[in-house]
């Protein structure tokens, strides 16, 4: 049980880091580069996928306990 909780803490930290990186990419220095535009467009979908799989894993863990 404790191992799963640590896993979800690391997932939350990864999501927070993704949000910080996306805000850093919004600087004027980076926003004019094409790779920044594509990176910023993908981040919400990555966060949604992480949330979906984390919720699915939490539901499985809760129903199995």
C-alpha atoms as a PDB file:
ATOM      1  CA  UNK A   1       0.000   0.000   0.000  1.00  0.00           C
ATOM      2  CA  UNK A   2       2.736   2.455   0.929  1.00  0.00           C
ATOM      3  CA  UNK A   3       4.568   1.751  -2.336  1.00  0.00           C
ATOM      4  CA  UNK A   4       1.521   2.865  -4.348  1.00  0.00           C
ATOM      5  CA  UNK A   5       1.251   6.076  -2.333  1.00  0.00           C
ATOM      6  CA  UNK A   6       4.868   6.917  -3.073  1.00  0.00           C
ATOM      7  CA  UNK A   7       4.205   6.234  -6.756  1.00  0.00           C
ATOM      8  CA  UNK A   8       1.299   8.694  -6.767  1.00  0.00           C
ATOM      9  CA  UNK A   9       3.399  11.314  -4.998  1.00  0.00           C
ATOM     10  CA  UNK A  10       6.004  11.027  -7.767  1.00  0.00           C
ATOM     11  CA  UNK A  11       3.258  11.350 -10.377  1.00  0.00           C
ATOM     12  CA  UNK A  12       2.040  14.545  -8.694  1.00  0.00           C
ATOM     13  CA  UNK A  13       5.592  15.919  -8.613  1.00  0.00           C
ATOM     14  CA  UNK A  14       6.019  15.112 -12.313  1.00  0.00           C
ATOM     15  CA  UNK A  15       2.784  16.957 -13.127  1.00  0.00           C
ATOM     16  CA  UNK A  16       3.916  19.974 -11.122  1.00  0.00           C
ATOM     17  CA  UNK A  17       7.246  19.963 -12.965  1.00  0.00           C
ATOM     18  CA  UNK A  18       5.427  19.831 -16.301  1.00  0.00           C
ATOM     19  CA  UNK A  19       3.395  22.866 -15.322  1.00  0.00           C
ATOM     20  CA  UNK A  20       6.507  24.776 -14.251  1.00  0.00           C
ATOM     21  CA  UNK A  21       8.299  23.907 -17.497  1.00  0.00           C
ATOM     22  CA  UNK A  22       5.294  25.030 -19.527  1.00  0.00           C
ATOM     23  CA  UNK A  23       5.304  28.388 -17.773  1.00  0.00           C
ATOM     24  CA  UNK A  24       9.026  28.757 -18.384  1.00  0.00           C
ATOM     25  CA  UNK A  25       8.515  28.058 -22.085  1.00  0.00           C
ATOM     26  CA  UNK A  26       6.145  31.006 -22.270  1.00  0.00           C
ATOM     27  CA  UNK A  27       9.054  33.456 -21.953  1.00  0.00           C
ATOM     28  CA  UNK A  28       9.402  35.761 -24.920  1.00  0.00           C
ATOM     29  CA  UNK A  29      12.793  34.272 -25.698  1.00  0.00           C
ATOM     30  CA  UNK A  30      11.341  30.807 -26.302  1.00  0.00           C
ATOM     31  CA  UNK A  31       7.876  31.589 -27.626  1.00  0.00           C
ATOM     32  CA  UNK A  32       9.199  32.587 -31.083  1.00  0.00           C
ATOM     33  CA  UNK A  33      10.762  29.174 -31.642  1.00  0.00           C
ATOM     34  CA  UNK A  34       8.680  26.536 -33.379  1.00  0.00           C
ATOM     35  CA  UNK A  35       9.584  23.689 -30.999  1.00  0.00           C
ATOM     36  CA  UNK A  36       8.223  25.679 -28.046  1.00  0.00           C
ATOM     37  CA  UNK A  37       4.834  26.027 -29.710  1.00  0.00           C
ATOM     38  CA  UNK A  38       4.541  22.277 -30.278  1.00  0.00           C
ATOM     39  CA  UNK A  39       5.777  21.488 -26.776  1.00  0.00           C
ATOM     40  CA  UNK A  40       3.244  23.819 -25.204  1.00  0.00           C
ATOM     41  CA  UNK A  41       0.435  22.335 -27.286  1.00  0.00           C
ATOM     42  CA  UNK A  42       1.185  18.790 -26.110  1.00  0.00           C
ATOM     43  CA  UNK A  43       1.470  19.479 -22.369  1.00  0.00           C
ATOM     44  CA  UNK A  44      -2.293  19.575 -21.574  1.00  0.00           C
ATOM     45  CA  UNK A  45      -2.789  16.245 -23.334  1.00  0.00           C
ATOM     46  CA  UNK A  46       0.123  14.701 -21.417  1.00  0.00           C
ATOM     47  CA  UNK A  47      -1.338  15.947 -18.136  1.00  0.00           C
ATOM     48  CA  UNK A  48      -4.766  14.575 -19.047  1.00  0.00           C
ATOM     49  CA  UNK A  49      -3.255  11.176 -19.891  1.00  0.00           C
ATOM     50  CA  UNK A  50      -1.307  11.113 -16.615  1.00  0.00           C
ATOM     51  CA  UNK A  51      -4.467  11.995 -14.685  1.00  0.00           C
ATOM     52  CA  UNK A  52      -6.483   9.318 -16.499  1.00  0.00           C
ATOM     53  CA  UNK A  53      -3.988   6.537 -15.774  1.00  0.00           C
ATOM     54  CA  UNK A  54      -3.448   7.678 -12.195  1.00  0.00           C
ATOM     55  CA  UNK A  55      -7.184   7.686 -11.530  1.00  0.00           C
ATOM     56  CA  UNK A  56      -7.573   4.303 -13.176  1.00  0.00           C
ATOM     57  CA  UNK A  57      -4.798   2.894 -11.002  1.00  0.00           C
ATOM     58  CA  UNK A  58      -6.296   4.453  -7.871  1.00  0.00           C
ATOM     59  CA  UNK A  59      -9.724   2.977  -8.638  1.00  0.00           C
ATOM     60  CA  UNK A  60      -8.186  -0.467  -9.174  1.00  0.00           C
ATOM     61  CA  UNK A  61      -6.234  -0.171  -5.936  1.00  0.00           C
ATOM     62  CA  UNK A  62      -9.338   0.953  -4.025  1.00  0.00           C
ATOM     63  CA  UNK A  63     -11.579  -1.774  -5.379  1.00  0.00           C
ATOM     64  CA  UNK A  64      -8.953  -4.445  -4.734  1.00  0.00           C
ATOM     65  CA  UNK A  65      -8.400  -3.392  -1.115  1.00  0.00           C
END
